[in-house]
N, C-alpha and C. Protein backbone atom coordinates (compact mmCIF):
# COMPACT_ATOMS: atom_id res chain seq x y z
N MET A 1 -12.66 8.31 -11.15
CA MET A 1 -11.25 8.41 -11.47
C MET A 1 -10.93 9.75 -12.11
N THR A 2 -11.83 10.26 -12.94
CA THR A 2 -11.58 11.54 -13.58
C THR A 2 -11.45 12.65 -12.55
N GLN A 3 -12.21 12.57 -11.49
CA GLN A 3 -12.12 13.57 -10.44
C GLN A 3 -10.73 13.59 -9.82
N ALA A 4 -10.15 12.42 -9.62
CA ALA A 4 -8.80 12.33 -9.08
C ALA A 4 -7.80 12.98 -10.02
N ALA A 5 -7.96 12.75 -11.31
CA ALA A 5 -7.05 13.34 -12.30
C ALA A 5 -7.20 14.86 -12.32
N LEU A 6 -8.42 15.36 -12.22
CA LEU A 6 -8.62 16.81 -12.20
C LEU A 6 -8.02 17.43 -10.94
N GLU A 7 -8.15 16.75 -9.83
CA GLU A 7 -7.53 17.25 -8.61
C GLU A 7 -6.01 17.24 -8.73
N ALA A 8 -5.47 16.26 -9.42
CA ALA A 8 -4.03 16.19 -9.63
C ALA A 8 -3.56 17.36 -10.48
N VAL A 9 -4.35 17.74 -11.47
CA VAL A 9 -4.01 18.87 -12.33
C VAL A 9 -3.98 20.15 -11.52
N LYS A 10 -4.90 20.28 -10.56
CA LYS A 10 -4.94 21.47 -9.71
C LYS A 10 -3.65 21.61 -8.91
N GLY A 11 -3.07 20.48 -8.52
CA GLY A 11 -1.82 20.50 -7.78
C GLY A 11 -1.92 20.79 -6.31
N GLU A 12 -3.11 20.74 -5.76
CA GLU A 12 -3.30 21.03 -4.34
C GLU A 12 -2.86 19.87 -3.44
N LYS A 13 -2.90 18.65 -3.97
CA LYS A 13 -2.48 17.47 -3.22
C LYS A 13 -1.51 16.67 -4.08
N SER A 14 -0.67 15.90 -3.43
CA SER A 14 0.29 15.07 -4.17
C SER A 14 -0.44 13.86 -4.77
N LEU A 15 0.23 13.21 -5.71
CA LEU A 15 -0.35 12.01 -6.31
C LEU A 15 -0.54 10.92 -5.27
N VAL A 16 0.38 10.84 -4.31
CA VAL A 16 0.26 9.83 -3.26
C VAL A 16 -0.97 10.10 -2.39
N GLU A 17 -1.18 11.36 -2.04
CA GLU A 17 -2.36 11.70 -1.23
C GLU A 17 -3.65 11.36 -1.98
N LEU A 18 -3.69 11.73 -3.26
CA LEU A 18 -4.88 11.44 -4.06
C LEU A 18 -5.08 9.94 -4.23
N ALA A 19 -3.99 9.21 -4.41
CA ALA A 19 -4.09 7.76 -4.56
C ALA A 19 -4.70 7.13 -3.30
N ARG A 20 -4.32 7.63 -2.16
CA ARG A 20 -4.89 7.11 -0.90
C ARG A 20 -6.37 7.45 -0.80
N ILE A 21 -6.73 8.65 -1.18
CA ILE A 21 -8.14 9.07 -1.10
C ILE A 21 -9.00 8.24 -2.04
N TYR A 22 -8.53 8.03 -3.27
CA TYR A 22 -9.32 7.33 -4.29
C TYR A 22 -9.01 5.84 -4.39
N ASN A 23 -8.12 5.37 -3.52
CA ASN A 23 -7.78 3.95 -3.44
C ASN A 23 -7.29 3.39 -4.79
N VAL A 24 -6.36 4.09 -5.41
CA VAL A 24 -5.74 3.64 -6.66
C VAL A 24 -4.23 3.85 -6.56
N HIS A 25 -3.49 3.31 -7.51
CA HIS A 25 -2.05 3.48 -7.54
C HIS A 25 -1.73 4.89 -8.05
N PRO A 26 -0.71 5.56 -7.50
CA PRO A 26 -0.35 6.92 -7.95
C PRO A 26 -0.06 7.00 -9.46
N ASN A 27 0.51 5.94 -10.03
CA ASN A 27 0.79 5.97 -11.47
C ASN A 27 -0.48 6.07 -12.30
N THR A 28 -1.56 5.49 -11.81
CA THR A 28 -2.84 5.56 -12.52
C THR A 28 -3.31 7.00 -12.62
N ILE A 29 -3.22 7.72 -11.53
CA ILE A 29 -3.63 9.12 -11.53
C ILE A 29 -2.69 9.94 -12.42
N GLY A 30 -1.41 9.65 -12.34
CA GLY A 30 -0.43 10.37 -13.16
C GLY A 30 -0.70 10.20 -14.64
N LYS A 31 -1.06 9.00 -15.06
CA LYS A 31 -1.37 8.75 -16.47
C LYS A 31 -2.63 9.51 -16.89
N LEU A 32 -3.64 9.49 -16.04
CA LEU A 32 -4.87 10.21 -16.36
C LEU A 32 -4.65 11.72 -16.40
N ARG A 33 -3.81 12.20 -15.49
CA ARG A 33 -3.53 13.64 -15.43
C ARG A 33 -2.89 14.12 -16.72
N ALA A 34 -2.10 13.27 -17.34
CA ALA A 34 -1.38 13.63 -18.56
C ALA A 34 -2.23 13.49 -19.82
N SER A 35 -3.43 12.95 -19.70
CA SER A 35 -4.25 12.73 -20.90
C SER A 35 -4.79 14.05 -21.44
N PRO A 36 -4.93 14.17 -22.75
CA PRO A 36 -5.44 15.41 -23.36
C PRO A 36 -6.84 15.77 -22.88
N VAL A 37 -7.69 14.78 -22.64
CA VAL A 37 -9.05 15.07 -22.19
C VAL A 37 -9.03 15.71 -20.81
N THR A 38 -8.21 15.21 -19.92
CA THR A 38 -8.12 15.76 -18.57
C THR A 38 -7.59 17.19 -18.62
N LYS A 39 -6.58 17.43 -19.44
CA LYS A 39 -6.04 18.78 -19.57
C LYS A 39 -7.11 19.74 -20.10
N TRP A 40 -7.90 19.27 -21.05
CA TRP A 40 -8.95 20.11 -21.62
C TRP A 40 -10.00 20.45 -20.56
N LYS A 41 -10.41 19.44 -19.78
CA LYS A 41 -11.39 19.67 -18.73
C LYS A 41 -10.85 20.64 -17.68
N ALA A 42 -9.60 20.48 -17.30
CA ALA A 42 -9.00 21.37 -16.30
C ALA A 42 -8.94 22.80 -16.80
N GLU A 43 -8.59 22.97 -18.06
CA GLU A 43 -8.55 24.32 -18.64
C GLU A 43 -9.95 24.92 -18.68
N LEU A 44 -10.94 24.13 -19.05
CA LEU A 44 -12.30 24.61 -19.09
C LEU A 44 -12.78 25.02 -17.70
N MET A 45 -12.48 24.20 -16.70
CA MET A 45 -12.88 24.52 -15.33
C MET A 45 -12.19 25.79 -14.85
N GLY A 46 -10.95 25.97 -15.22
CA GLY A 46 -10.22 27.17 -14.83
C GLY A 46 -10.83 28.42 -15.42
N HIS A 47 -11.24 28.34 -16.68
CA HIS A 47 -11.90 29.47 -17.33
C HIS A 47 -13.25 29.77 -16.70
N ALA A 48 -13.96 28.73 -16.34
CA ALA A 48 -15.29 28.92 -15.73
C ALA A 48 -15.18 29.60 -14.37
N ARG A 49 -14.13 29.30 -13.62
CA ARG A 49 -13.96 29.94 -12.30
C ARG A 49 -13.61 31.41 -12.42
N ARG A 50 -12.91 31.77 -13.49
CA ARG A 50 -12.48 33.16 -13.66
C ARG A 50 -13.59 34.07 -14.16
N THR A 51 -14.67 33.48 -14.72
CA THR A 51 -15.73 34.32 -15.27
C THR A 51 -16.86 34.47 -14.32
């Protein structure tokens, strides 16, 4: 589920597309995407790609 939230943060696919891929409701991914832990992981991953 965390992977779906991280992909949602990237913004490359819509919540509906991700929900279909991960077989969950779009609201579930939206809630995870908004969590502080997910935001922290996404920021960390972004920094790692730039270095």
